[in-house]
Protein backbone atom coordinates (compact mmCIF):
# COMPACT_ATOMS: atom_id res chain seq x y z
CA UNK A 1 -127.78 10.91 82.21
CA UNK A 2 -130.66 11.67 79.82
CA UNK A 3 -129.98 8.61 77.69
CA UNK A 4 -130.80 4.98 78.32
CA UNK A 5 -127.20 4.36 79.37
CA UNK A 6 -127.89 5.86 82.78
CA UNK A 7 -130.53 3.20 83.48
CA UNK A 8 -128.55 0.78 85.71
CA UNK A 9 -127.24 3.55 87.97
CA UNK A 10 -130.61 5.34 88.00
CA UNK A 11 -132.43 2.16 89.05
CA UNK A 12 -129.84 1.35 91.73
CA UNK A 13 -130.22 4.86 93.13
CA UNK A 14 -134.03 5.11 92.90
CA UNK A 15 -134.73 1.64 94.26
CA UNK A 16 -132.44 2.17 97.23
CA UNK A 17 -129.83 -0.45 96.35
CA UNK A 18 -126.94 1.92 97.10
CA UNK A 19 -128.54 2.92 100.41
CA UNK A 20 -129.12 -0.73 101.26
CA UNK A 21 -125.37 -1.28 100.86
CA UNK A 22 -124.66 1.65 103.19
CA UNK A 23 -123.26 3.89 100.46
CA UNK A 24 -123.58 7.65 100.51
CA UNK A 25 -123.93 7.87 96.75
CA UNK A 26 -124.26 10.95 94.55
CA UNK A 27 -123.96 11.60 90.82
CA UNK A 28 -121.62 14.28 89.45
CA UNK A 29 -122.70 15.53 86.01
CA UNK A 30 -121.59 16.60 83.58
CA UNK A 31 -117.89 15.83 83.46
CA UNK A 32 -116.46 18.72 81.38
CA UNK A 33 -114.95 17.56 78.10
CA UNK A 34 -117.11 14.52 77.45
CA UNK A 35 -116.26 10.83 77.22
CA UNK A 36 -112.52 11.27 76.86
CA UNK A 37 -112.32 13.00 80.25
CA UNK A 38 -114.19 10.41 82.33
CA UNK A 39 -110.99 8.64 83.39
CA UNK A 40 -109.28 11.95 84.19
CA UNK A 41 -112.12 12.70 86.62
CA UNK A 42 -110.96 9.79 88.80
CA UNK A 43 -108.00 11.93 89.86
CA UNK A 44 -109.96 13.65 92.62
CA UNK A 45 -113.31 14.71 91.12
CA UNK A 46 -115.07 11.34 91.43
CA UNK A 47 -114.35 7.92 92.94
CA UNK A 48 -116.20 5.83 90.37
CA UNK A 49 -116.93 6.60 86.72
CA UNK A 50 -119.06 5.29 83.88
CA UNK A 51 -116.94 5.09 80.71
CA UNK A 52 -116.95 3.56 77.24
CA UNK A 53 -114.35 0.82 77.02
CA UNK A 54 -112.11 2.34 74.30
CA UNK A 55 -111.45 5.38 76.49
CA UNK A 56 -110.49 3.16 79.41
CA UNK A 57 -108.20 1.09 77.19
CA UNK A 58 -106.56 4.14 75.67
CA UNK A 59 -106.03 5.75 79.09
CA UNK A 60 -104.59 2.56 80.60
CA UNK A 61 -102.15 2.13 77.72
CA UNK A 62 -101.06 5.74 78.29
CA UNK A 63 -100.23 4.95 81.92
CA UNK A 64 -103.50 5.38 83.82
CA UNK A 65 -104.10 3.03 86.76
CA UNK A 66 -107.85 2.92 86.01
CA UNK A 67 -109.51 -0.46 85.71
CA UNK A 68 -112.99 -1.83 85.01
CA UNK A 69 -114.74 -3.47 87.97
CA UNK A 70 -118.24 -4.01 86.53
CA UNK A 71 -120.08 -3.92 83.22
CA UNK A 72 -122.96 -1.55 82.50
CA UNK A 73 -123.91 -2.15 78.84
CA UNK A 74 -122.78 -5.03 76.66
CA UNK A 75 -124.21 -4.73 73.15
CA UNK A 76 -125.72 -1.28 72.73
CA UNK A 77 -128.33 -0.87 70.03
CA UNK A 78 -127.46 2.27 68.12
CA UNK A 79 -129.80 3.13 65.26
CA UNK A 80 -128.45 4.87 62.18
CA UNK A 81 -131.27 7.35 61.60
CA UNK A 82 -131.51 9.57 58.52
CA UNK A 83 -133.63 12.32 57.02
CA UNK A 84 -136.86 10.97 55.48
CA UNK A 85 -135.65 11.59 51.93
CA UNK A 86 -132.64 9.30 52.44
CA UNK A 87 -134.10 5.92 51.56
CA UNK A 88 -131.00 3.70 51.53
CA UNK A 89 -127.36 3.50 52.50
CA UNK A 90 -126.42 4.44 48.94
CA UNK A 91 -128.17 7.79 49.44
CA UNK A 92 -125.63 8.66 52.15
CA UNK A 93 -122.85 9.16 49.63
CA UNK A 94 -121.77 12.79 49.69
CA UNK A 95 -123.86 13.48 52.78
CA UNK A 96 -122.91 14.66 56.29
CA UNK A 97 -123.08 12.07 59.08
CA UNK A 98 -122.84 13.14 62.69
CA UNK A 99 -120.59 10.68 64.53
CA UNK A 100 -119.26 10.44 68.08
CA UNK A 101 -115.57 10.45 69.03
CA UNK A 102 -113.58 8.54 66.40
CA UNK A 103 -111.94 6.47 69.14
CA UNK A 104 -115.25 5.38 70.66
CA UNK A 105 -117.39 2.31 70.17
CA UNK A 106 -120.35 4.23 68.69
CA UNK A 107 -118.32 5.44 65.74
CA UNK A 108 -116.49 2.13 65.35
CA UNK A 109 -119.73 0.17 65.11
CA UNK A 110 -121.38 2.78 62.85
CA UNK A 111 -118.44 2.77 60.45
CA UNK A 112 -118.53 -1.04 60.33
CA UNK A 113 -122.27 -0.93 59.62
CA UNK A 114 -121.71 1.57 56.80
CA UNK A 115 -118.89 -0.53 55.32
CA UNK A 116 -121.08 -3.64 55.54
CA UNK A 117 -123.67 -1.81 53.43
CA UNK A 118 -121.16 -0.59 50.85
CA UNK A 119 -120.53 2.94 52.14
CA UNK A 120 -116.81 3.66 52.41
CA UNK A 121 -115.30 6.27 54.73
CA UNK A 122 -114.41 8.50 51.78
CA UNK A 123 -118.03 8.44 50.56
CA UNK A 124 -119.40 10.81 53.19
CA UNK A 125 -118.49 13.83 55.32
CA UNK A 126 -118.27 13.66 59.13
CA UNK A 127 -119.09 16.00 61.98
CA UNK A 128 -118.03 14.86 65.47
CA UNK A 129 -120.86 15.34 67.98
CA UNK A 130 -120.68 13.91 71.49
CA UNK A 131 -123.88 12.53 72.99
CA UNK A 132 -127.07 11.09 71.53
CA UNK A 133 -129.19 14.16 72.47
CA UNK A 134 -126.78 16.49 70.63
CA UNK A 135 -126.72 14.27 67.53
CA UNK A 136 -130.52 14.11 67.60
CA UNK A 137 -130.60 17.91 67.65
CA UNK A 138 -128.26 18.05 64.67
CA UNK A 139 -130.62 15.77 62.74
CA UNK A 140 -133.72 17.78 63.68
CA UNK A 141 -132.05 21.03 62.65
CA UNK A 142 -131.27 19.42 59.26
CA UNK A 143 -127.57 20.11 59.84
CA UNK A 144 -126.83 16.35 59.74
CA UNK A 145 -128.17 14.00 57.10
CA UNK A 146 -127.84 10.95 59.35
CA UNK A 147 -126.69 10.17 62.89
CA UNK A 148 -126.34 7.15 65.20
CA UNK A 149 -128.82 7.43 68.06
CA UNK A 150 -129.34 5.44 71.24
CA UNK A 151 -132.61 5.04 73.10
CA UNK A 152 -135.01 6.72 73.50
CA UNK A 153 -134.00 9.32 70.93
CA UNK A 154 -133.90 6.84 68.03
CA UNK A 155 -137.47 5.72 68.71
CA UNK A 156 -138.60 9.33 69.07
CA UNK A 157 -136.99 10.17 65.74
CA UNK A 158 -138.73 7.30 63.95
CA UNK A 159 -142.05 8.42 65.38
CA UNK A 160 -141.37 11.89 63.95
CA UNK A 161 -140.85 10.48 60.46
CA UNK A 162 -137.10 10.02 60.25
CA UNK A 163 -135.85 6.86 58.56
CA UNK A 164 -134.09 3.88 60.17
CA UNK A 165 -131.28 2.61 57.94
CA UNK A 166 -129.75 -0.03 60.22
CA UNK A 167 -128.73 -1.11 63.71
CA UNK A 168 -125.19 -1.19 65.08
CA UNK A 169 -125.43 -4.79 66.29
CA UNK A 170 -126.02 -5.94 62.71
CA UNK A 171 -122.30 -5.26 62.25
CA UNK A 172 -121.11 -5.75 65.84
CA UNK A 173 -122.89 -8.72 67.44
CA UNK A 174 -120.74 -8.98 70.58
CA UNK A 175 -119.20 -6.08 72.43
CA UNK A 176 -118.51 -4.58 75.84
CA UNK A 177 -119.70 -1.02 75.53
CA UNK A 178 -119.59 0.71 78.93
CA UNK A 179 -118.08 -0.24 82.27
CA UNK A 180 -117.72 1.05 85.81
CA UNK A 181 -114.11 2.12 86.31
CA UNK A 182 -112.03 3.04 89.36
CA UNK A 183 -108.37 3.70 90.08
CA UNK A 184 -106.62 0.54 91.29
CA UNK A 185 -105.03 2.10 94.40
CA UNK A 186 -108.30 3.73 95.45
CA UNK A 187 -110.18 0.45 94.95
CA UNK A 188 -107.64 -1.49 97.01
CA UNK A 189 -107.89 1.08 99.81
CA UNK A 190 -111.71 1.02 99.66
CA UNK A 191 -112.28 -2.61 98.77
CA UNK A 192 -115.40 -3.06 100.87
CA UNK A 193 -117.06 0.03 99.36
CA UNK A 194 -116.28 -1.13 95.82
CA UNK A 195 -117.77 -4.55 96.53
CA UNK A 196 -120.91 -2.94 97.93
CA UNK A 197 -121.16 -0.63 94.91
CA UNK A 198 -120.83 -3.57 92.51
CA UNK A 199 -123.40 -5.58 94.48
CA UNK A 200 -125.86 -2.66 94.29
CA UNK A 201 -125.32 -2.35 90.55
CA UNK A 202 -125.85 -6.10 90.15
CA UNK A 203 -129.13 -5.82 92.08
CA UNK A 204 -130.24 -3.10 89.65
CA UNK A 205 -129.73 -5.40 86.67
CA UNK A 206 -131.71 -8.16 88.33
CA UNK A 207 -134.49 -5.65 89.09
CA UNK A 208 -134.55 -4.38 85.48
CA UNK A 209 -134.78 -7.91 84.11
CA UNK A 210 -137.59 -9.13 86.40
CA UNK A 211 -140.80 -8.95 84.30
CA UNK A 212 -143.01 -7.77 87.18
CA UNK A 213 -140.80 -4.68 87.54
CA UNK A 214 -141.25 -3.52 83.95
CA UNK A 215 -143.76 -0.73 84.78
CA UNK A 216 -141.36 0.68 87.39
CA UNK A 217 -138.38 0.46 85.02
CA UNK A 218 -140.40 2.11 82.25
CA UNK A 219 -141.32 4.92 84.66
CA UNK A 220 -137.64 5.44 85.46
CA UNK A 221 -136.86 5.69 81.74
CA UNK A 222 -139.62 8.28 81.30
CA UNK A 223 -138.46 10.38 84.24
CA UNK A 224 -134.74 10.26 83.46
CA UNK A 225 -134.83 10.60 79.66
CA UNK A 226 -137.95 12.71 79.13
CA UNK A 227 -139.46 10.15 76.76
CA UNK A 228 -143.07 9.00 76.72
CA UNK A 229 -144.33 5.84 78.40
CA UNK A 230 -144.87 4.35 74.93
CA UNK A 231 -141.24 4.96 73.94
CA UNK A 232 -140.00 3.58 77.28
CA UNK A 233 -141.95 0.37 76.75
CA UNK A 234 -140.66 0.09 73.17
CA UNK A 235 -137.10 0.47 74.48
CA UNK A 236 -137.54 -2.43 76.91
CA UNK A 237 -139.10 -4.57 74.18
CA UNK A 238 -136.15 -3.78 71.95
CA UNK A 239 -133.78 -5.02 74.66
CA UNK A 240 -135.65 -8.12 75.80
CA UNK A 241 -138.14 -9.27 73.14
CA UNK A 242 -136.15 -11.20 72.02
CA UNK A 243 -133.20 -11.14 74.42
CA UNK A 244 -130.41 -9.25 72.63
CA UNK A 245 -127.83 -9.35 75.45
CA UNK A 246 -127.81 -5.57 75.64
CA UNK A 247 -127.53 -5.63 79.43
CA UNK A 248 -125.47 -7.85 81.73
CA UNK A 249 -127.45 -10.15 83.98
CA UNK A 250 -125.71 -8.96 87.15
CA UNK A 251 -122.93 -6.49 86.16
CA UNK A 252 -120.62 -9.33 85.04
CA UNK A 253 -117.84 -8.35 82.62
CA UNK A 254 -117.84 -10.03 79.20
CA UNK A 255 -114.08 -10.45 78.63
CA UNK A 256 -114.71 -11.81 75.12
CA UNK A 257 -116.68 -8.67 74.31
CA UNK A 258 -113.79 -6.56 75.61
CA UNK A 259 -111.40 -8.49 73.36
CA UNK A 260 -113.63 -7.52 70.42
CA UNK A 261 -113.32 -3.84 71.36
CA UNK A 262 -109.52 -4.20 71.42
CA UNK A 263 -109.58 -5.89 68.01
CA UNK A 264 -111.68 -3.09 66.54
CA UNK A 265 -109.35 -0.46 68.00
CA UNK A 266 -106.45 -2.28 66.36
CA UNK A 267 -108.25 -2.32 63.01
CA UNK A 268 -109.02 1.40 63.32
CA UNK A 269 -105.38 2.16 64.12
CA UNK A 270 -106.16 3.76 67.49
CA UNK A 271 -103.88 1.24 69.23
CA UNK A 272 -100.85 -0.52 67.82
CA UNK A 273 -99.71 -4.12 67.51
CA UNK A 274 -99.14 -6.24 69.47
CA UNK A 275 -102.64 -5.84 70.79
CA UNK A 276 -102.98 -6.02 74.59
CA UNK A 277 -104.89 -8.77 76.36
CA UNK A 278 -108.30 -7.82 77.78
CA UNK A 279 -107.49 -9.10 81.28
CA UNK A 280 -105.13 -6.18 81.79
CA UNK A 281 -108.05 -3.74 81.82
CA UNK A 282 -110.32 -5.51 84.30
CA UNK A 283 -110.19 -6.53 87.94
CA UNK A 284 -112.75 -9.26 88.55
CA UNK A 285 -112.11 -9.69 92.28
CA UNK A 286 -114.81 -7.19 93.25
CA UNK A 287 -117.49 -8.97 91.23
CA UNK A 288 -116.39 -12.27 92.73
CA UNK A 289 -116.54 -10.90 96.27
CA UNK A 290 -119.97 -9.47 95.51
CA UNK A 291 -121.17 -12.96 94.57
CA UNK A 292 -121.35 -12.33 90.80
CA UNK A 293 -120.04 -15.17 88.66
């Protein structure tokens, strides 16, 4: 919740979009165990969860009835940030890189970026660290030589003198990073509530994108992430100047981007051939009923 990836939900909550839809909404954080446990939490702890797509895919293939009903982030911009003395990708050889879960999109895209720049997986050591704030701490303590960071921590790190080596979307131009997931039976039994939730989330994206709302959105970033107003404004410029398709326009699900996630998971060996079709992991009826095309 202290990273930029909470922004759509934070805006929907702060601007009253959930209340407008008649939802008694509350956030449960943290879910013990990190990203891999977000789907498990749907079994009684929460009704709706925010989850990175590989974890949803892996859970569904293992028998979970969880399904994506809305998109939250499409193409995240993760910065590979290194100690100041590391001046190039070649300098990473023999160094320790703090990565996220090996099955997740952050690590997949970072590894592809490294490979694109000539750094093979056997060229560096790895420490698994969940969460951008924790990886940022590892870098600041000089325990990690480089880490992938989301916003605003990457921009804070650059301001403090750390070095930007590359961006994840240089290697992964189209993706579906995080989604809103629910259990199919629960969604069917609470169809009206799911539609209202999706509609509120869609309203948040429209609010974020409207230029006149930028000061309010920047303030939300400051208050939820602890960053400065300058860093918040830089984050929004990074997303929208030019448009990088980081955020959906109205919570719509990019099925092609989901197919890319599945392809990457196949390449990484985290799922086996034949690769599943993306449609099996989404239920678009709620977006359609909410008026999202």
